[in-house]
N, C-alpha and C. Protein backbone atom coordinates (compact mmCIF):
# COMPACT_ATOMS: atom_id res chain seq x y z
N MET A 1 48.54 47.16 77.95
CA MET A 1 49.73 46.83 78.72
C MET A 1 49.39 45.99 79.93
N ALA A 2 48.22 46.26 80.49
CA ALA A 2 47.83 45.51 81.68
C ALA A 2 47.67 44.06 81.39
N GLU A 3 47.16 43.75 80.14
CA GLU A 3 46.97 42.35 79.78
C GLU A 3 48.30 41.65 79.61
N LYS A 4 49.31 42.36 79.11
CA LYS A 4 50.63 41.74 78.91
C LYS A 4 51.30 41.42 80.23
N ASP A 5 50.97 42.28 81.27
CA ASP A 5 51.64 42.03 82.56
C ASP A 5 51.13 40.79 83.27
N GLN A 6 49.89 40.32 82.93
CA GLN A 6 49.33 39.14 83.61
C GLN A 6 49.94 37.87 83.05
N GLN A 7 50.55 37.00 83.88
CA GLN A 7 51.20 35.73 83.51
C GLN A 7 50.38 34.57 84.05
N PRO A 8 50.32 33.42 83.30
CA PRO A 8 49.56 32.25 83.80
C PRO A 8 50.19 31.74 85.10
N GLY A 9 49.35 31.23 86.06
CA GLY A 9 49.84 30.73 87.33
C GLY A 9 50.34 29.29 87.26
N TYR A 10 51.39 28.92 87.96
CA TYR A 10 51.95 27.56 88.06
C TYR A 10 52.03 27.16 89.52
N PRO A 11 51.83 25.82 89.84
CA PRO A 11 51.95 25.39 91.24
C PRO A 11 53.37 25.56 91.73
N LEU A 12 53.45 25.93 92.97
CA LEU A 12 54.77 26.14 93.56
C LEU A 12 55.47 24.80 93.76
N ALA A 13 56.71 24.70 93.44
CA ALA A 13 57.51 23.48 93.66
C ALA A 13 57.80 23.33 95.13
N PRO A 14 57.86 22.09 95.65
CA PRO A 14 58.17 21.88 97.05
C PRO A 14 59.51 22.49 97.41
N VAL A 15 59.56 22.99 98.63
CA VAL A 15 60.81 23.62 99.08
C VAL A 15 61.94 22.62 99.01
N ASN A 16 61.67 21.38 99.47
CA ASN A 16 62.67 20.32 99.40
C ASN A 16 62.23 19.35 98.31
N GLY A 17 62.98 19.14 97.30
CA GLY A 17 62.60 18.31 96.17
C GLY A 17 62.53 16.83 96.53
N TYR A 18 63.02 16.41 97.70
CA TYR A 18 63.04 15.01 98.09
C TYR A 18 61.94 14.63 99.09
N SER A 19 61.05 15.54 99.43
CA SER A 19 60.03 15.28 100.45
C SER A 19 59.14 14.11 100.09
N ARG A 20 58.63 14.07 98.84
CA ARG A 20 57.74 12.98 98.44
C ARG A 20 58.45 11.64 98.49
N SER A 21 59.66 11.56 97.99
CA SER A 21 60.39 10.29 97.98
C SER A 21 60.71 9.84 99.40
N ASP A 22 60.97 10.76 100.32
CA ASP A 22 61.23 10.40 101.72
C ASP A 22 59.99 9.80 102.38
N GLU A 23 58.83 10.37 102.11
CA GLU A 23 57.59 9.85 102.66
C GLU A 23 57.31 8.45 102.15
N GLU A 24 57.54 8.24 100.85
CA GLU A 24 57.31 6.91 100.26
C GLU A 24 58.26 5.87 100.87
N ALA A 25 59.51 6.29 101.06
CA ALA A 25 60.49 5.37 101.66
C ALA A 25 60.11 5.01 103.09
N ALA A 26 59.63 6.00 103.85
CA ALA A 26 59.23 5.75 105.24
C ALA A 26 58.04 4.81 105.30
N THR A 27 57.09 5.01 104.36
CA THR A 27 55.91 4.13 104.30
C THR A 27 56.32 2.70 103.96
N ALA A 28 57.23 2.56 102.99
CA ALA A 28 57.69 1.23 102.59
C ALA A 28 58.42 0.54 103.74
N GLN A 29 59.24 1.33 104.47
CA GLN A 29 59.97 0.76 105.60
C GLN A 29 59.01 0.31 106.70
N SER A 30 57.96 1.10 106.95
CA SER A 30 56.97 0.74 107.94
C SER A 30 56.24 -0.54 107.54
N ASP A 31 55.92 -0.67 106.24
CA ASP A 31 55.27 -1.90 105.76
C ASP A 31 56.19 -3.10 105.93
N ASP A 32 57.49 -2.91 105.67
CA ASP A 32 58.45 -4.01 105.84
C ASP A 32 58.52 -4.46 107.30
N LEU A 33 58.52 -3.50 108.22
CA LEU A 33 58.57 -3.83 109.64
C LEU A 33 57.34 -4.61 110.06
N ARG A 34 56.16 -4.17 109.54
CA ARG A 34 54.93 -4.89 109.88
C ARG A 34 54.96 -6.31 109.34
N ARG A 35 55.47 -6.48 108.11
CA ARG A 35 55.56 -7.83 107.52
C ARG A 35 56.51 -8.71 108.32
N GLN A 36 57.64 -8.13 108.76
CA GLN A 36 58.59 -8.90 109.57
C GLN A 36 57.98 -9.32 110.91
N LYS A 37 57.21 -8.39 111.51
CA LYS A 37 56.55 -8.73 112.77
C LYS A 37 55.54 -9.85 112.58
N ARG A 38 54.78 -9.79 111.47
CA ARG A 38 53.80 -10.84 111.21
C ARG A 38 54.49 -12.18 110.99
N LYS A 39 55.62 -12.16 110.27
CA LYS A 39 56.37 -13.39 110.04
C LYS A 39 56.87 -13.98 111.36
N LYS A 40 57.43 -13.11 112.23
CA LYS A 40 57.91 -13.58 113.52
C LYS A 40 56.77 -14.15 114.35
N CYS A 41 55.63 -13.46 114.31
CA CYS A 41 54.48 -13.93 115.07
C CYS A 41 54.04 -15.31 114.58
N CYS A 42 53.99 -15.49 113.25
CA CYS A 42 53.62 -16.79 112.68
C CYS A 42 54.62 -17.87 113.07
N LEU A 43 55.92 -17.51 113.05
CA LEU A 43 56.95 -18.48 113.43
C LEU A 43 56.80 -18.88 114.89
N TYR A 44 56.50 -17.91 115.77
CA TYR A 44 56.31 -18.22 117.18
C TYR A 44 55.11 -19.14 117.38
N ILE A 45 54.05 -18.86 116.64
CA ILE A 45 52.84 -19.70 116.76
C ILE A 45 53.13 -21.12 116.29
N ILE A 46 53.84 -21.25 115.17
CA ILE A 46 54.18 -22.58 114.64
C ILE A 46 55.09 -23.32 115.62
N ALA A 47 56.09 -22.60 116.16
CA ALA A 47 57.01 -23.24 117.12
C ALA A 47 56.27 -23.69 118.37
N PHE A 48 55.34 -22.87 118.85
CA PHE A 48 54.57 -23.23 120.05
C PHE A 48 53.68 -24.44 119.77
N ALA A 49 53.07 -24.48 118.56
CA ALA A 49 52.22 -25.62 118.19
C ALA A 49 53.04 -26.91 118.12
N ILE A 50 54.26 -26.82 117.55
CA ILE A 50 55.14 -27.99 117.47
C ILE A 50 55.54 -28.45 118.86
N PHE A 51 55.84 -27.49 119.74
CA PHE A 51 56.21 -27.80 121.12
C PHE A 51 55.06 -28.51 121.84
N GLN A 52 53.85 -27.96 121.68
CA GLN A 52 52.69 -28.58 122.32
C GLN A 52 52.45 -29.98 121.79
N THR A 53 52.58 -30.15 120.49
CA THR A 53 52.39 -31.48 119.89
C THR A 53 53.41 -32.48 120.45
N GLY A 54 54.67 -32.01 120.59
CA GLY A 54 55.70 -32.88 121.15
C GLY A 54 55.39 -33.29 122.58
N ILE A 55 54.89 -32.32 123.37
CA ILE A 55 54.54 -32.61 124.77
C ILE A 55 53.40 -33.63 124.83
N ILE A 56 52.39 -33.42 123.97
CA ILE A 56 51.24 -34.34 123.95
C ILE A 56 51.68 -35.75 123.56
N VAL A 57 52.54 -35.84 122.54
CA VAL A 57 53.04 -37.15 122.11
C VAL A 57 53.85 -37.81 123.23
N LEU A 58 54.70 -37.01 123.90
CA LEU A 58 55.52 -37.55 124.99
C LEU A 58 54.64 -38.07 126.12
N ILE A 59 53.62 -37.30 126.48
CA ILE A 59 52.71 -37.72 127.56
C ILE A 59 51.95 -38.98 127.17
N SER A 60 51.48 -39.02 125.92
CA SER A 60 50.70 -40.19 125.48
C SER A 60 51.56 -41.44 125.42
N MET A 61 52.86 -41.28 125.17
CA MET A 61 53.75 -42.44 125.06
C MET A 61 54.33 -42.87 126.40
N THR A 62 54.24 -42.02 127.41
CA THR A 62 54.82 -42.36 128.72
C THR A 62 53.76 -42.35 129.81
N ILE A 63 53.36 -41.16 130.22
CA ILE A 63 52.45 -41.04 131.36
C ILE A 63 51.10 -41.68 131.09
N MET A 64 50.53 -41.43 129.90
CA MET A 64 49.18 -41.90 129.62
C MET A 64 49.14 -43.32 129.06
N LYS A 65 50.30 -43.93 128.83
CA LYS A 65 50.32 -45.30 128.32
C LYS A 65 50.11 -46.27 129.49
N VAL A 66 49.06 -47.07 129.41
CA VAL A 66 48.73 -47.98 130.51
C VAL A 66 49.43 -49.32 130.29
N LYS A 67 50.22 -49.72 131.27
CA LYS A 67 50.94 -50.99 131.21
C LYS A 67 50.27 -52.01 132.13
N THR A 68 50.39 -53.26 131.76
CA THR A 68 49.83 -54.34 132.58
C THR A 68 50.70 -54.55 133.82
N PRO A 69 50.13 -54.47 135.02
CA PRO A 69 50.91 -54.73 136.23
C PRO A 69 51.45 -56.17 136.26
N LYS A 70 52.38 -56.42 137.15
CA LYS A 70 52.95 -57.76 137.31
C LYS A 70 52.48 -58.34 138.64
N PHE A 71 52.16 -59.64 138.61
CA PHE A 71 51.62 -60.35 139.78
C PHE A 71 52.50 -61.57 140.01
N ARG A 72 53.18 -61.63 141.14
CA ARG A 72 54.18 -62.67 141.39
C ARG A 72 54.10 -63.19 142.82
N VAL A 73 54.65 -64.41 143.00
CA VAL A 73 54.94 -64.92 144.36
C VAL A 73 56.35 -64.47 144.69
N GLY A 74 56.47 -63.68 145.76
CA GLY A 74 57.79 -63.16 146.11
C GLY A 74 58.57 -64.12 146.99
N SER A 75 57.93 -64.65 148.02
CA SER A 75 58.60 -65.57 148.93
C SER A 75 57.55 -66.42 149.63
N ALA A 76 58.01 -67.47 150.30
CA ALA A 76 57.08 -68.36 151.01
C ALA A 76 57.80 -69.08 152.14
N THR A 77 57.06 -69.28 153.24
CA THR A 77 57.56 -70.04 154.39
C THR A 77 56.45 -70.98 154.87
N PHE A 78 56.79 -71.80 155.86
CA PHE A 78 55.82 -72.78 156.37
C PHE A 78 55.59 -72.58 157.87
N ASP A 79 54.31 -72.59 158.25
CA ASP A 79 53.94 -72.59 159.67
C ASP A 79 53.95 -74.01 160.22
N SER A 80 53.52 -74.94 159.35
CA SER A 80 53.51 -76.36 159.73
C SER A 80 54.02 -77.16 158.55
N PHE A 81 54.63 -78.32 158.87
CA PHE A 81 55.26 -79.09 157.80
C PHE A 81 55.21 -80.57 158.17
N ALA A 82 54.35 -81.32 157.47
CA ALA A 82 54.24 -82.77 157.71
C ALA A 82 54.31 -83.50 156.38
N VAL A 83 55.34 -84.34 156.23
CA VAL A 83 55.54 -85.10 154.99
C VAL A 83 55.82 -86.55 155.34
N GLN A 84 55.12 -87.48 154.68
CA GLN A 84 55.31 -88.91 154.87
C GLN A 84 55.56 -89.57 153.50
N PRO A 85 56.81 -89.77 153.10
CA PRO A 85 57.10 -90.38 151.81
C PRO A 85 56.56 -91.81 151.70
N SER A 86 56.47 -92.51 152.80
CA SER A 86 56.03 -93.91 152.75
C SER A 86 54.53 -94.04 152.48
N THR A 87 53.74 -93.09 152.87
CA THR A 87 52.28 -93.22 152.74
C THR A 87 51.77 -93.18 151.30
N PRO A 88 52.12 -92.29 150.39
CA PRO A 88 52.80 -91.00 150.59
C PRO A 88 51.75 -89.92 150.85
N SER A 89 52.14 -88.85 151.60
CA SER A 89 51.20 -87.78 151.90
C SER A 89 51.96 -86.56 152.40
N PHE A 90 51.27 -85.43 152.38
CA PHE A 90 51.84 -84.22 152.96
C PHE A 90 50.72 -83.28 153.42
N SER A 91 51.05 -82.45 154.38
CA SER A 91 50.16 -81.40 154.86
C SER A 91 51.05 -80.22 155.26
N LEU A 92 50.91 -79.13 154.52
CA LEU A 92 51.80 -77.98 154.69
C LEU A 92 51.00 -76.71 154.98
N GLY A 93 51.40 -76.00 156.01
CA GLY A 93 50.80 -74.69 156.30
C GLY A 93 51.67 -73.62 155.67
N LEU A 94 51.22 -73.09 154.53
CA LEU A 94 52.03 -72.17 153.72
C LEU A 94 51.70 -70.71 153.99
N ASN A 95 52.75 -69.92 154.20
CA ASN A 95 52.63 -68.46 154.23
C ASN A 95 53.34 -67.92 152.99
N ALA A 96 52.58 -67.30 152.09
CA ALA A 96 53.17 -66.79 150.85
C ALA A 96 53.03 -65.28 150.78
N GLN A 97 54.10 -64.63 150.34
CA GLN A 97 54.04 -63.18 150.11
C GLN A 97 53.90 -62.95 148.61
N LEU A 98 52.79 -62.33 148.23
CA LEU A 98 52.53 -62.01 146.83
C LEU A 98 52.87 -60.55 146.58
N ALA A 99 53.32 -60.26 145.37
CA ALA A 99 53.71 -58.89 145.02
C ALA A 99 52.96 -58.45 143.76
N VAL A 100 52.33 -57.28 143.85
CA VAL A 100 51.67 -56.67 142.69
C VAL A 100 52.48 -55.42 142.34
N LYS A 101 53.21 -55.49 141.24
CA LYS A 101 54.08 -54.37 140.83
C LYS A 101 53.36 -53.52 139.79
N ASN A 102 53.18 -52.24 140.11
CA ASN A 102 52.47 -51.31 139.22
C ASN A 102 53.46 -50.26 138.71
N THR A 103 53.73 -50.26 137.41
CA THR A 103 54.69 -49.31 136.83
C THR A 103 53.99 -48.13 136.16
N ASN A 104 52.70 -47.98 136.38
CA ASN A 104 51.94 -46.89 135.76
C ASN A 104 52.03 -45.60 136.59
N PHE A 105 51.69 -44.47 135.93
CA PHE A 105 51.68 -43.17 136.59
C PHE A 105 50.31 -42.92 137.22
N GLY A 106 49.80 -43.92 137.89
CA GLY A 106 48.51 -43.84 138.56
C GLY A 106 48.28 -45.13 139.31
N PRO A 107 47.43 -45.14 140.34
CA PRO A 107 47.21 -46.34 141.15
C PRO A 107 46.48 -47.44 140.41
N TYR A 108 46.74 -48.68 140.82
CA TYR A 108 46.04 -49.86 140.27
C TYR A 108 45.22 -50.46 141.39
N LYS A 109 43.90 -50.34 141.27
CA LYS A 109 42.98 -50.90 142.27
C LYS A 109 42.47 -52.24 141.75
N PHE A 110 42.63 -53.29 142.57
CA PHE A 110 42.25 -54.62 142.10
C PHE A 110 41.26 -55.27 143.06
N ASP A 111 40.49 -56.21 142.51
CA ASP A 111 39.44 -56.88 143.27
C ASP A 111 40.00 -58.11 144.00
N GLU A 112 39.20 -58.61 144.92
CA GLU A 112 39.56 -59.85 145.62
C GLU A 112 39.60 -61.01 144.63
N THR A 113 40.54 -61.91 144.85
CA THR A 113 40.65 -63.07 143.98
C THR A 113 41.15 -64.27 144.80
N ILE A 114 41.42 -65.38 144.14
CA ILE A 114 41.90 -66.59 144.81
C ILE A 114 43.14 -67.10 144.08
N ILE A 115 44.12 -67.49 144.84
CA ILE A 115 45.30 -68.15 144.28
C ILE A 115 45.18 -69.65 144.57
N TYR A 116 45.37 -70.46 143.53
CA TYR A 116 45.27 -71.93 143.65
C TYR A 116 46.65 -72.54 143.54
N PHE A 117 46.87 -73.59 144.33
CA PHE A 117 48.14 -74.30 144.29
C PHE A 117 47.90 -75.73 143.78
N TYR A 118 48.80 -76.17 142.90
CA TYR A 118 48.63 -77.47 142.24
C TYR A 118 49.88 -78.32 142.38
N TYR A 119 49.62 -79.64 142.37
CA TYR A 119 50.69 -80.62 142.21
C TYR A 119 50.28 -81.50 141.04
N LYS A 120 51.10 -81.51 139.98
CA LYS A 120 50.79 -82.28 138.77
C LYS A 120 49.38 -81.96 138.24
N ASP A 121 49.05 -80.66 138.23
CA ASP A 121 47.76 -80.17 137.71
C ASP A 121 46.56 -80.57 138.58
N VAL A 122 46.81 -81.09 139.76
CA VAL A 122 45.73 -81.41 140.69
C VAL A 122 45.78 -80.39 141.83
N GLN A 123 44.64 -79.78 142.14
CA GLN A 123 44.61 -78.75 143.17
C GLN A 123 44.87 -79.34 144.55
N VAL A 124 45.81 -78.71 145.29
CA VAL A 124 46.14 -79.18 146.63
C VAL A 124 45.86 -78.12 147.70
N GLY A 125 45.43 -76.91 147.30
CA GLY A 125 45.14 -75.87 148.27
C GLY A 125 44.84 -74.54 147.58
N SER A 126 44.37 -73.58 148.36
CA SER A 126 44.05 -72.26 147.82
C SER A 126 44.09 -71.23 148.93
N ALA A 127 44.11 -69.97 148.54
CA ALA A 127 44.12 -68.88 149.51
C ALA A 127 43.42 -67.67 148.90
N VAL A 128 42.77 -66.90 149.74
CA VAL A 128 42.08 -65.68 149.28
C VAL A 128 43.08 -64.53 149.22
N VAL A 129 43.07 -63.83 148.08
CA VAL A 129 43.88 -62.62 147.91
C VAL A 129 42.94 -61.42 148.08
N PRO A 130 43.11 -60.60 149.12
CA PRO A 130 42.16 -59.51 149.37
C PRO A 130 42.27 -58.39 148.35
N ASN A 131 41.17 -57.67 148.17
CA ASN A 131 41.21 -56.50 147.29
C ASN A 131 42.10 -55.43 147.93
N SER A 132 42.80 -54.69 147.10
CA SER A 132 43.71 -53.67 147.62
C SER A 132 44.10 -52.73 146.49
N LYS A 133 45.18 -51.98 146.70
CA LYS A 133 45.62 -51.00 145.72
C LYS A 133 47.14 -50.93 145.69
N ALA A 134 47.70 -50.99 144.47
CA ALA A 134 49.13 -50.73 144.29
C ALA A 134 49.27 -49.29 143.82
N GLY A 135 49.99 -48.48 144.58
CA GLY A 135 50.08 -47.06 144.29
C GLY A 135 50.88 -46.71 143.05
N PHE A 136 51.00 -45.42 142.83
CA PHE A 136 51.73 -44.83 141.71
C PHE A 136 53.16 -45.37 141.65
N ARG A 137 53.47 -46.12 140.58
CA ARG A 137 54.80 -46.69 140.35
C ARG A 137 55.38 -47.32 141.62
N SER A 138 54.62 -48.26 142.18
CA SER A 138 55.06 -48.92 143.42
C SER A 138 54.63 -50.38 143.42
N THR A 139 55.07 -51.11 144.43
CA THR A 139 54.74 -52.53 144.57
C THR A 139 53.95 -52.75 145.85
N LYS A 140 52.83 -53.45 145.72
CA LYS A 140 52.00 -53.80 146.87
C LYS A 140 52.27 -55.24 147.25
N ASN A 141 52.69 -55.47 148.50
CA ASN A 141 52.95 -56.82 149.00
C ASN A 141 51.74 -57.31 149.81
N LEU A 142 51.36 -58.55 149.55
CA LEU A 142 50.20 -59.15 150.21
C LEU A 142 50.61 -60.49 150.81
N ASN A 143 50.24 -60.73 152.05
CA ASN A 143 50.52 -62.00 152.70
C ASN A 143 49.26 -62.86 152.74
N VAL A 144 49.38 -64.09 152.25
CA VAL A 144 48.24 -65.01 152.25
C VAL A 144 48.67 -66.34 152.89
N GLN A 145 47.69 -67.05 153.42
CA GLN A 145 47.95 -68.33 154.07
C GLN A 145 47.11 -69.42 153.40
N ALA A 146 47.71 -70.58 153.25
CA ALA A 146 47.00 -71.70 152.63
C ALA A 146 47.47 -73.01 153.27
N VAL A 147 46.55 -73.96 153.35
CA VAL A 147 46.88 -75.31 153.80
C VAL A 147 46.93 -76.20 152.57
N LEU A 148 48.10 -76.79 152.32
CA LEU A 148 48.29 -77.65 151.15
C LEU A 148 48.31 -79.10 151.61
N THR A 149 47.42 -79.91 151.04
CA THR A 149 47.34 -81.32 151.45
C THR A 149 47.28 -82.22 150.22
N SER A 150 47.65 -83.48 150.45
CA SER A 150 47.66 -84.47 149.37
C SER A 150 46.36 -85.27 149.30
N THR A 151 45.30 -84.77 149.87
CA THR A 151 44.02 -85.49 149.93
C THR A 151 43.53 -85.91 148.56
N ASN A 152 43.71 -85.06 147.55
CA ASN A 152 43.17 -85.33 146.21
C ASN A 152 44.15 -86.05 145.29
N LEU A 153 45.23 -86.57 145.83
CA LEU A 153 46.28 -87.15 144.98
C LEU A 153 46.32 -88.67 145.00
N ALA A 154 45.22 -89.31 145.34
CA ALA A 154 45.21 -90.78 145.44
C ALA A 154 45.54 -91.45 144.11
N ASN A 155 45.18 -90.81 143.01
CA ASN A 155 45.40 -91.43 141.69
C ASN A 155 46.84 -91.33 141.21
N ILE A 156 47.63 -90.52 141.87
CA ILE A 156 49.03 -90.37 141.42
C ILE A 156 50.00 -90.61 142.59
N ASN A 157 49.67 -91.60 143.41
CA ASN A 157 50.50 -91.90 144.58
C ASN A 157 51.92 -92.28 144.21
N SER A 158 52.07 -92.99 143.11
CA SER A 158 53.41 -93.44 142.73
C SER A 158 54.31 -92.25 142.39
N GLU A 159 53.77 -91.26 141.66
CA GLU A 159 54.56 -90.07 141.32
C GLU A 159 54.86 -89.26 142.57
N LEU A 160 53.86 -89.14 143.45
CA LEU A 160 54.06 -88.38 144.68
C LEU A 160 55.12 -89.04 145.55
N SER A 161 55.06 -90.36 145.67
CA SER A 161 56.05 -91.09 146.47
C SER A 161 57.45 -90.87 145.92
N SER A 162 57.57 -90.91 144.61
CA SER A 162 58.88 -90.71 143.99
C SER A 162 59.43 -89.31 144.29
N ASP A 163 58.56 -88.29 144.18
CA ASP A 163 59.02 -86.91 144.42
C ASP A 163 59.38 -86.69 145.89
N LEU A 164 58.57 -87.24 146.78
CA LEU A 164 58.86 -87.06 148.21
C LEU A 164 60.16 -87.75 148.60
N ASN A 165 60.41 -88.90 148.03
CA ASN A 165 61.66 -89.61 148.31
C ASN A 165 62.87 -88.91 147.69
N SER A 166 62.64 -88.18 146.61
CA SER A 166 63.75 -87.45 145.98
C SER A 166 64.15 -86.22 146.79
N GLY A 167 63.26 -85.79 147.68
CA GLY A 167 63.58 -84.65 148.53
C GLY A 167 63.05 -83.32 148.03
N THR A 168 62.38 -83.31 146.88
CA THR A 168 61.85 -82.06 146.33
C THR A 168 60.41 -82.25 145.87
N LEU A 169 59.54 -81.39 146.32
CA LEU A 169 58.13 -81.41 145.92
C LEU A 169 57.86 -80.14 145.11
N SER A 170 57.55 -80.33 143.83
CA SER A 170 57.32 -79.18 142.94
C SER A 170 55.84 -78.82 142.90
N LEU A 171 55.53 -77.57 143.21
CA LEU A 171 54.16 -77.07 143.21
C LEU A 171 54.02 -75.91 142.24
N THR A 172 52.78 -75.64 141.87
CA THR A 172 52.49 -74.52 140.97
C THR A 172 51.40 -73.65 141.59
N GLY A 173 51.59 -72.34 141.50
CA GLY A 173 50.58 -71.40 141.96
C GLY A 173 50.01 -70.64 140.78
N LYS A 174 48.67 -70.52 140.72
CA LYS A 174 48.03 -69.82 139.61
C LYS A 174 46.90 -68.92 140.13
N SER A 175 46.77 -67.76 139.50
CA SER A 175 45.71 -66.83 139.88
C SER A 175 45.54 -65.79 138.79
N THR A 176 44.43 -65.07 138.84
CA THR A 176 44.17 -63.95 137.93
C THR A 176 43.68 -62.76 138.74
N LEU A 177 44.34 -61.63 138.53
CA LEU A 177 44.00 -60.40 139.25
C LEU A 177 43.32 -59.45 138.27
N SER A 178 42.16 -58.90 138.66
CA SER A 178 41.42 -57.96 137.81
C SER A 178 41.27 -56.63 138.54
N GLY A 179 41.46 -55.55 137.81
CA GLY A 179 41.34 -54.23 138.42
C GLY A 179 41.37 -53.13 137.39
N LYS A 180 41.58 -51.91 137.87
CA LYS A 180 41.59 -50.73 137.00
C LYS A 180 42.78 -49.83 137.35
N VAL A 181 43.41 -49.31 136.30
CA VAL A 181 44.47 -48.31 136.46
C VAL A 181 43.83 -46.94 136.30
N GLU A 182 44.06 -46.06 137.26
CA GLU A 182 43.49 -44.70 137.22
C GLU A 182 44.58 -43.70 136.90
N LEU A 183 44.36 -42.92 135.82
CA LEU A 183 45.34 -41.93 135.39
C LEU A 183 44.76 -40.53 135.48
N MET A 184 45.52 -39.61 136.07
CA MET A 184 45.14 -38.19 136.14
C MET A 184 43.78 -37.98 136.80
N PHE A 185 43.33 -38.94 137.58
CA PHE A 185 42.06 -38.87 138.31
C PHE A 185 40.84 -38.78 137.39
N ILE A 186 41.04 -38.98 136.10
CA ILE A 186 39.91 -38.86 135.16
C ILE A 186 39.74 -40.09 134.29
N MET A 187 40.82 -40.79 134.01
CA MET A 187 40.75 -41.92 133.09
C MET A 187 41.00 -43.23 133.84
N LYS A 188 40.13 -44.18 133.62
CA LYS A 188 40.28 -45.50 134.23
C LYS A 188 40.29 -46.56 133.13
N LYS A 189 41.24 -47.46 133.21
CA LYS A 189 41.34 -48.53 132.21
C LYS A 189 41.46 -49.87 132.91
N LYS A 190 40.64 -50.84 132.48
CA LYS A 190 40.67 -52.17 133.08
C LYS A 190 41.94 -52.92 132.67
N LYS A 191 42.53 -53.58 133.64
CA LYS A 191 43.71 -54.39 133.39
C LYS A 191 43.65 -55.66 134.24
N SER A 192 43.86 -56.81 133.59
CA SER A 192 43.92 -58.10 134.28
C SER A 192 45.30 -58.70 134.09
N VAL A 193 45.77 -59.37 135.11
CA VAL A 193 47.10 -59.97 135.04
C VAL A 193 47.05 -61.37 135.64
N ASP A 194 47.73 -62.29 134.99
CA ASP A 194 47.77 -63.68 135.45
C ASP A 194 49.04 -63.95 136.25
N LEU A 195 48.89 -64.78 137.24
CA LEU A 195 50.04 -65.27 138.02
C LEU A 195 50.22 -66.75 137.70
N SER A 196 51.44 -67.11 137.37
CA SER A 196 51.79 -68.51 137.14
C SER A 196 53.21 -68.73 137.63
N CYS A 197 53.35 -69.36 138.79
CA CYS A 197 54.66 -69.53 139.42
C CYS A 197 54.87 -70.98 139.84
N THR A 198 56.09 -71.42 139.74
CA THR A 198 56.46 -72.74 140.24
C THR A 198 57.29 -72.57 141.51
N LEU A 199 57.06 -73.49 142.47
CA LEU A 199 57.76 -73.43 143.75
C LEU A 199 58.31 -74.83 144.07
N ASP A 200 59.57 -74.91 144.36
CA ASP A 200 60.18 -76.18 144.75
C ASP A 200 60.31 -76.24 146.28
N VAL A 201 59.66 -77.22 146.88
CA VAL A 201 59.72 -77.39 148.33
C VAL A 201 60.84 -78.37 148.66
N ASN A 202 61.83 -77.88 149.41
CA ASN A 202 62.93 -78.74 149.85
C ASN A 202 62.48 -79.43 151.14
N ILE A 203 62.31 -80.72 151.06
CA ILE A 203 61.74 -81.47 152.19
C ILE A 203 62.70 -81.56 153.36
N SER A 204 63.96 -81.70 153.09
CA SER A 204 64.93 -81.83 154.19
C SER A 204 65.12 -80.52 154.95
N SER A 205 65.18 -79.38 154.23
CA SER A 205 65.37 -78.08 154.89
C SER A 205 64.06 -77.40 155.23
N ARG A 206 62.95 -77.97 154.75
CA ARG A 206 61.61 -77.47 155.02
C ARG A 206 61.44 -75.99 154.62
N ASP A 207 61.93 -75.68 153.44
CA ASP A 207 61.72 -74.33 152.94
C ASP A 207 61.43 -74.36 151.43
N VAL A 208 61.08 -73.20 150.90
CA VAL A 208 60.74 -73.08 149.48
C VAL A 208 61.93 -72.53 148.73
N GLN A 209 62.26 -73.17 147.64
CA GLN A 209 63.40 -72.74 146.82
C GLN A 209 62.95 -72.62 145.36
N ASN A 210 63.75 -71.86 144.61
CA ASN A 210 63.54 -71.75 143.16
C ASN A 210 62.12 -71.33 142.79
N ILE A 211 61.72 -70.15 143.22
CA ILE A 211 60.43 -69.60 142.81
C ILE A 211 60.61 -68.95 141.44
N ASN A 212 59.91 -69.47 140.46
CA ASN A 212 59.99 -68.93 139.10
C ASN A 212 58.60 -68.55 138.62
N CYS A 213 58.46 -67.33 138.14
CA CYS A 213 57.17 -66.83 137.66
C CYS A 213 57.26 -66.38 136.21
N ASN A 214 56.22 -66.70 135.45
CA ASN A 214 56.17 -66.28 134.06
C ASN A 214 55.43 -64.95 133.93
């Protein structure tokens, strides 16, 4: 009888039949949250990389792009003025204001140079342009003095006589400025700019008119 009373043992069923499925669901939900966080993190990284790339492109196209400065004759007056149409001859004490316009996001430092003045491609005078600096997106004005004479124009007296009698003496100013643009205090780039301007001297009013620069 004792043997009949002994029954084989079975594992006890969980008190709550849904415990295992709840644990699996919680684990799956936790994995989903982690995947969503990783996706968001990747999206943030990609967005930040795109933003940085855009900033770098913008800087390279604007701030870091080196432009050639402009070199011009802004205005001119005379300290002395002697013109003889009958000879023909002239001797002019010229005061010229030159302008170096720098549109870069850094200073433009340039070396000393010379500006030459011509009549019919014959040199009639020159002036020294001192070394200086045009600041960040600014214009540097320089005053130079030159004595312009007809000493070298013996071979074209007839043309000179005609121009002096007409009341207008057309002159040309030419020069080349060499220097460096400095950006962010670390990058320097060489830039040269040419000056080529025409000046019409009104003999009757003794002033300069129609300054045109290329």
